[in-house]
């Protein structure tokens, strides 16, 4: 099996712990988020204290992230931006399953105690972002890839995580090309509810998973995957469409 094909299979399978830990997603082409924004951002690390994923508080006791971020050793921090961060305990998680019992890559996690951090607002689905609109993504990590855009370049140095939360703007684009790219390798992507984003010089890499995609101060997406795991800034990224899961989200957080 060719090296690139093998890497695609590992990344787009999206379920192995080693993949999640070894290929941390980074915001490329970002900037430090303003200190008064994204206070609801949740940082998730693994048992080696490396960045695993992000998330977004949507109430005083629940945060939203990607389902593939789940692992036994995950540690959750609030206040990572602008700091100081503090570790918090979690009690339960819920992964969306459709009427055919198929899991989707979106997860709710409950904190053991309420927080006074103001959550991000849930979407106004009558005014969701359209193709061509600008949305904001965020995550921890450096802002560079290799000279040819190769992602492996940033993993040569073990100290690749940013101490500050990085924000970047991207543009909503049609998802058909991304679905064509990943669908034959990971058919699960085809039945899930997605929208996509792409902008010149901006991308994520396999850590930013679970981070919120924000439009006009509301969360409309959860970062799920990148369209090209080998080279940065060549394909769109895929975001779970929060509007498609909004009833499940509100039912889950209101029944507990």
Protein backbone atom coordinates (compact mmCIF):
# COMPACT_ATOMS: atom_id res chain seq x y z
CA UNK A 1 0.00 0.00 0.00
CA UNK A 2 1.41 3.41 -0.95
CA UNK A 3 2.46 5.80 1.80
CA UNK A 4 -0.05 8.51 0.92
CA UNK A 5 -2.90 6.02 0.57
CA UNK A 6 -2.07 4.53 3.95
CA UNK A 7 -2.00 7.99 5.56
CA UNK A 8 -5.37 8.85 4.03
CA UNK A 9 -6.89 5.66 5.39
CA UNK A 10 -5.54 6.35 8.87
CA UNK A 11 -6.68 9.95 8.96
CA UNK A 12 -10.10 9.58 7.41
CA UNK A 13 -10.96 6.55 9.47
CA UNK A 14 -10.97 9.13 12.27
CA UNK A 15 -11.35 6.59 15.05
CA UNK A 16 -7.90 5.51 16.22
CA UNK A 17 -6.40 7.02 19.32
CA UNK A 18 -2.91 7.05 17.78
CA UNK A 19 -4.10 9.14 14.85
CA UNK A 20 -5.78 11.64 17.14
CA UNK A 21 -2.69 11.92 19.32
CA UNK A 22 0.04 11.92 16.68
CA UNK A 23 -1.44 14.25 14.06
CA UNK A 24 -2.61 17.24 16.06
CA UNK A 25 -4.61 19.72 14.02
CA UNK A 26 -3.23 23.25 13.71
CA UNK A 27 -4.62 26.54 12.52
CA UNK A 28 -2.48 27.65 9.57
CA UNK A 29 -2.59 31.28 8.56
CA UNK A 30 -4.10 32.35 11.87
CA UNK A 31 -3.51 35.07 14.43
CA UNK A 32 -3.85 35.25 18.18
CA UNK A 33 -7.52 35.52 19.10
CA UNK A 34 -8.46 38.82 20.80
CA UNK A 35 -8.42 38.47 24.60
CA UNK A 36 -12.12 39.28 24.88
CA UNK A 37 -13.24 36.68 22.33
CA UNK A 38 -13.59 32.87 22.39
CA UNK A 39 -13.62 32.75 26.20
CA UNK A 40 -15.90 29.73 25.82
CA UNK A 41 -13.17 27.73 24.07
CA UNK A 42 -12.43 24.37 25.71
CA UNK A 43 -9.00 22.78 25.44
CA UNK A 44 -8.71 18.99 25.49
CA UNK A 45 -5.37 17.25 26.01
CA UNK A 46 -4.24 13.64 26.07
CA UNK A 47 -2.34 11.78 28.79
CA UNK A 48 0.96 13.22 27.49
CA UNK A 49 -0.43 16.75 27.92
CA UNK A 50 -0.46 17.30 24.15
CA UNK A 51 -3.31 19.15 22.48
CA UNK A 52 -5.91 16.64 21.36
CA UNK A 53 -8.96 18.74 20.44
CA UNK A 54 -10.95 21.87 21.10
CA UNK A 55 -14.55 22.46 22.05
CA UNK A 56 -17.08 25.19 22.77
CA UNK A 57 -19.18 25.80 25.86
CA UNK A 58 -22.82 26.09 24.79
CA UNK A 59 -24.28 26.27 28.32
CA UNK A 60 -22.96 26.60 31.85
CA UNK A 61 -22.39 22.83 32.02
CA UNK A 62 -22.15 21.43 28.47
CA UNK A 63 -19.64 21.81 25.67
CA UNK A 64 -19.78 20.74 22.04
CA UNK A 65 -16.93 18.98 20.27
CA UNK A 66 -16.22 16.26 17.69
CA UNK A 67 -17.06 12.67 18.59
CA UNK A 68 -13.69 11.35 17.42
CA UNK A 69 -12.05 13.41 20.19
CA UNK A 70 -13.33 10.98 22.80
CA UNK A 71 -10.75 8.88 24.60
CA UNK A 72 -10.26 7.55 28.12
CA UNK A 73 -7.27 9.76 28.87
CA UNK A 74 -8.70 13.11 27.77
CA UNK A 75 -8.22 16.05 30.15
CA UNK A 76 -10.44 19.13 29.86
CA UNK A 77 -9.43 22.73 30.56
CA UNK A 78 -11.53 25.88 30.77
CA UNK A 79 -10.04 29.36 30.60
CA UNK A 80 -7.34 28.33 28.13
CA UNK A 81 -8.03 31.64 26.40
CA UNK A 82 -6.92 34.12 27.50
CA UNK A 83 -5.87 32.24 30.66
CA UNK A 84 -5.21 31.18 33.28
CA UNK A 85 -6.56 27.76 32.42
CA UNK A 86 -7.92 25.32 34.95
CA UNK A 87 -8.59 21.62 34.71
CA UNK A 88 -12.21 20.55 35.13
CA UNK A 89 -13.91 17.20 35.54
CA UNK A 90 -16.51 15.75 33.20
CA UNK A 91 -19.32 13.35 34.03
CA UNK A 92 -20.89 12.11 30.81
CA UNK A 93 -20.89 12.43 27.05
CA UNK A 94 -23.50 12.01 24.33
CA UNK A 95 -22.74 11.18 20.68
CA UNK A 96 -25.43 11.76 18.08
CA UNK A 97 -26.86 8.64 16.43
CA UNK A 98 -29.36 8.77 13.62
CA UNK A 99 -32.46 6.59 13.18
CA UNK A 100 -30.26 3.84 11.70
CA UNK A 101 -28.06 3.94 14.84
CA UNK A 102 -25.14 5.37 12.88
CA UNK A 103 -22.84 7.64 14.92
CA UNK A 104 -22.11 11.13 13.64
CA UNK A 105 -18.94 13.06 14.44
CA UNK A 106 -20.51 15.44 16.95
CA UNK A 107 -20.51 15.06 20.73
CA UNK A 108 -21.83 16.82 23.82
CA UNK A 109 -19.81 16.60 27.05
CA UNK A 110 -21.15 17.51 30.51
CA UNK A 111 -18.99 19.21 33.13
CA UNK A 112 -19.24 17.94 36.69
CA UNK A 113 -19.98 21.48 37.93
CA UNK A 114 -21.46 24.57 36.27
CA UNK A 115 -19.14 27.36 35.14
CA UNK A 116 -19.72 31.10 35.05
CA UNK A 117 -18.00 31.46 31.66
CA UNK A 118 -20.43 32.93 29.13
CA UNK A 119 -21.13 30.24 26.47
CA UNK A 120 -21.22 30.78 22.74
CA UNK A 121 -24.72 31.35 21.42
CA UNK A 122 -26.44 28.58 19.52
CA UNK A 123 -27.18 29.25 15.84
CA UNK A 124 -30.03 31.15 14.24
CA UNK A 125 -30.72 28.54 11.60
CA UNK A 126 -32.93 30.85 9.58
CA UNK A 127 -29.82 32.95 8.94
CA UNK A 128 -27.06 30.40 8.62
CA UNK A 129 -23.90 31.20 6.62
CA UNK A 130 -24.19 30.68 2.88
CA UNK A 131 -21.54 29.86 0.29
CA UNK A 132 -19.23 32.84 0.06
CA UNK A 133 -19.76 34.00 3.65
CA UNK A 134 -16.86 34.37 6.08
CA UNK A 135 -16.75 32.21 9.22
CA UNK A 136 -14.13 31.99 11.97
CA UNK A 137 -12.25 28.89 13.10
CA UNK A 138 -9.90 28.59 16.09
CA UNK A 139 -7.38 26.24 17.68
CA UNK A 140 -3.99 25.95 19.36
CA UNK A 141 -0.93 25.55 17.16
CA UNK A 142 1.63 27.15 14.83
CA UNK A 143 0.74 29.02 11.67
CA UNK A 144 3.05 27.31 9.17
CA UNK A 145 3.52 24.20 7.08
CA UNK A 146 6.53 23.16 5.02
CA UNK A 147 7.97 25.04 2.02
CA UNK A 148 5.67 23.11 -0.32
CA UNK A 149 2.78 23.09 2.13
CA UNK A 150 3.65 19.66 3.52
CA UNK A 151 2.08 19.04 6.90
CA UNK A 152 4.81 16.73 8.20
CA UNK A 153 7.17 19.72 8.31
CA UNK A 154 5.54 21.13 11.44
CA UNK A 155 5.84 17.86 13.30
CA UNK A 156 9.64 17.70 13.05
CA UNK A 157 9.87 19.94 16.13
CA UNK A 158 8.17 18.42 19.16
CA UNK A 159 7.37 21.89 20.54
CA UNK A 160 4.79 22.77 17.92
CA UNK A 161 1.83 23.78 20.07
CA UNK A 162 0.96 27.42 20.49
CA UNK A 163 0.49 28.76 24.00
CA UNK A 164 -2.16 31.10 22.62
CA UNK A 165 -5.45 30.39 20.88
CA UNK A 166 -5.18 31.06 17.15
CA UNK A 167 -8.13 32.41 15.14
CA UNK A 168 -8.53 32.50 11.38
CA UNK A 169 -11.24 33.45 8.92
CA UNK A 170 -12.27 31.07 6.17
CA UNK A 171 -14.92 31.11 3.44
CA UNK A 172 -17.89 28.78 3.18
CA UNK A 173 -17.61 26.70 0.00
CA UNK A 174 -19.51 23.87 -1.63
CA UNK A 175 -18.73 20.48 -0.05
CA UNK A 176 -19.05 18.31 -3.14
CA UNK A 177 -15.33 18.09 -3.89
CA UNK A 178 -14.52 17.20 -0.27
CA UNK A 179 -17.23 14.53 -0.26
CA UNK A 180 -15.79 13.11 -3.49
CA UNK A 181 -12.29 13.05 -1.98
CA UNK A 182 -13.15 11.35 1.30
CA UNK A 183 -16.30 9.40 0.47
CA UNK A 184 -14.62 6.35 -1.08
CA UNK A 185 -12.21 6.08 1.88
CA UNK A 186 -14.59 6.97 4.70
CA UNK A 187 -18.20 6.46 3.54
CA UNK A 188 -19.46 7.59 6.95
CA UNK A 189 -18.68 11.15 5.88
CA UNK A 190 -21.34 10.90 3.17
CA UNK A 191 -24.35 10.51 5.47
CA UNK A 192 -23.32 13.15 8.01
CA UNK A 193 -24.46 16.77 7.86
CA UNK A 194 -21.59 19.00 6.80
CA UNK A 195 -20.65 22.37 5.49
CA UNK A 196 -17.16 23.28 4.32
CA UNK A 197 -14.65 26.11 4.44
CA UNK A 198 -11.63 27.08 2.37
CA UNK A 199 -9.54 30.23 1.95
CA UNK A 200 -6.11 30.85 0.43
CA UNK A 201 -3.39 30.51 3.05
CA UNK A 202 -5.73 29.25 5.77
CA UNK A 203 -6.20 25.66 6.91
CA UNK A 204 -6.19 23.25 9.83
CA UNK A 205 -4.15 20.12 10.31
CA UNK A 206 -5.04 16.81 12.12
CA UNK A 207 -6.03 18.99 17.78
CA UNK A 208 -8.26 21.68 16.11
CA UNK A 209 -10.93 19.00 15.81
CA UNK A 210 -14.00 19.92 17.78
CA UNK A 211 -13.33 23.65 17.66
CA UNK A 212 -16.29 25.92 16.99
CA UNK A 213 -16.98 27.48 13.59
CA UNK A 214 -18.51 30.86 14.41
CA UNK A 215 -20.56 33.30 12.33
CA UNK A 216 -21.89 36.59 13.72
CA UNK A 217 -21.09 35.48 17.27
CA UNK A 218 -22.95 32.15 17.06
CA UNK A 219 -21.70 28.60 16.59
CA UNK A 220 -22.73 27.02 13.30
CA UNK A 221 -20.10 24.32 12.92
CA UNK A 222 -17.78 21.89 14.68
CA UNK A 223 -14.48 21.19 12.98
CA UNK A 224 -14.40 17.53 11.90
CA UNK A 225 -11.65 16.90 9.31
CA UNK A 226 -9.43 18.40 6.66
CA UNK A 227 -9.73 17.55 2.98
CA UNK A 228 -6.02 16.97 2.38
CA UNK A 229 -4.05 15.41 5.27
CA UNK A 230 -0.74 15.55 3.36
CA UNK A 231 -0.58 19.15 2.11
CA UNK A 232 -2.04 22.26 3.74
CA UNK A 233 -4.22 24.85 2.05
CA UNK A 234 -5.13 22.74 -0.97
CA UNK A 235 -8.56 21.41 -0.06
CA UNK A 236 -11.52 22.54 2.04
CA UNK A 237 -12.10 21.52 5.65
CA UNK A 238 -15.28 19.77 6.74
CA UNK A 239 -17.44 21.10 9.59
CA UNK A 240 -20.35 19.37 11.28
CA UNK A 241 -23.47 21.47 10.61
CA UNK A 242 -24.78 22.44 14.05
CA UNK A 243 -28.18 23.44 12.66
CA UNK A 244 -28.77 19.87 11.49
CA UNK A 245 -28.20 18.63 15.06
CA UNK A 246 -29.77 21.52 16.95
CA UNK A 247 -32.88 19.68 18.17
CA UNK A 248 -30.72 16.86 19.57
CA UNK A 249 -28.42 19.42 21.22
CA UNK A 250 -31.20 21.35 22.92
CA UNK A 251 -33.05 18.19 23.97
CA UNK A 252 -29.89 16.73 25.49
CA UNK A 253 -28.80 19.74 27.51
CA UNK A 254 -32.34 20.53 28.70
CA UNK A 255 -33.25 17.06 29.96
CA UNK A 256 -30.44 16.91 32.54
